[in-house]
Amino acid sequence: MRQSRTVCSQDVPTHYFDNHGKRGVLLHAVGGLAAGSFYLPFKRVRRWSWESYWLVGGLLMWGTCPLIAAVVTIPELLNTLQLDKQASLITLLCGMGWGCGHITFGLSIRYLGISLGTGLSLGFCTFFGSLMPTLVKGTFFTLLAAPAGQFALAGLAICLVGIVLTAWAGMSKENEVSEEIKKEGVEEFQFFRGVSVALFAGVMSACFAFGIEFGQPLQELAVTEGGADPIYANNAPLLLILWGGGLMNFLFCITLNLRNGSVSDYVDREKPLANNYIFCILVGLIAYSEFLFFGMGETQMGRFSVLASYPIHMAFIIAFSNMWGILLHEWRGTSGRTRGLLALGLLFLLGSTILSAYGSYQLTLLN
């Protein structure tokens, strides 16, 4: 076995972002479009329980697609994962935590709609995904003392304001719109339940950021020992994150199938099986492309690192998901005041991700 060499951000030339960073932002934009759009085909699924179509779509996203991508792009995949078993295990466990958040992310969209559900969930996710690593590593007060760190932390404070404003808009919608119109836009609209699961989704989905962080050794080994092109190196940790998350989603959905008596959904010929499987497969392919493009984009950011990639990616998801929410008339029947609160809250959320990304970028320049 040849000696492995650690590839880190300090090895990257300062002009790297000029050459590759724009490509990284574009890749994050494509991934954000996929993440903001993946739930749409589920609206064409008929007469299946939520847990059934979530599981069928998820099997591609969590299991099949990441395995195919990793095998194709990392010739020595098994060797890569075995070389650092500790990093592999921690990354897998982070994936299981993210999986719990992913379940409730789907539920938040179910109860709040694409626009409000995604905005709140990703607002919480951006906040906790950026803050929690600094608390775990004990670097919070170091960040607070540095001007660049103050930019990043100010972004988190603005994120909280955005969360409050979007939640306020949701409460206003709850009071203004009739049940008939609510269910026309979001079939199972339940504001307070939706906010609860969005909060849990945001906290647990932050484990994805931990998975990428703790999976850095696997990314490096994928290049030095696995024979991967650097742009695809993240497929190694992503495989473990998605498999860990997929395991939690699989167990949850099967439990609901058994509890709700919906196991027959998968084979009942009286239901539109072909239609449902086609649209669920489409969901899985679109949803996985988010992670594929996130992984590729993160490797192109040079000194920006995952600290900047994560909020930039979240910003694109929030923007695209709310574009769909408007086009699908999820806020039809609300007052101008309510729509103004939503727009202002989303503006704060987008601004917070940009400010956090800028602060993170300045921090990487100091390293």
Foldseek 3Di string as FASTA:
>chain_A
DDDFDADDLVVFDPCLCVVFVVVLLVLLLLLLLLLLCLCVLVVQFPDADPLVLCLLLLCLQQPVVLVVLQVVFFVQLVVLCVVCVPLLVLLLVLLLLLLLLVVLLVVLCLAANLQLSLLLLLLLQLLQLLPVVCVVVVCLVVLVVDPLSVLQVVLSVLSVVLNVLSLVLSVLLVVQDDPVLLCLLRVNHDNVVSNVSSNSSNNSNSSNSVSQVSCSSSLSCSVRPRVGDSLQSCSSSSSSSSNSSSVNSVVVSVVCCVVVVRPCVQPPPVGPNVSSSVSSNSSNVSNNSSVRSLSSSQSSNRLLHSQLSSLSSSLSNNVSNNVVSVVSCSVPRGDPVSVVSNVVSNVSSNVSSVSSSSSSSVVSVVD
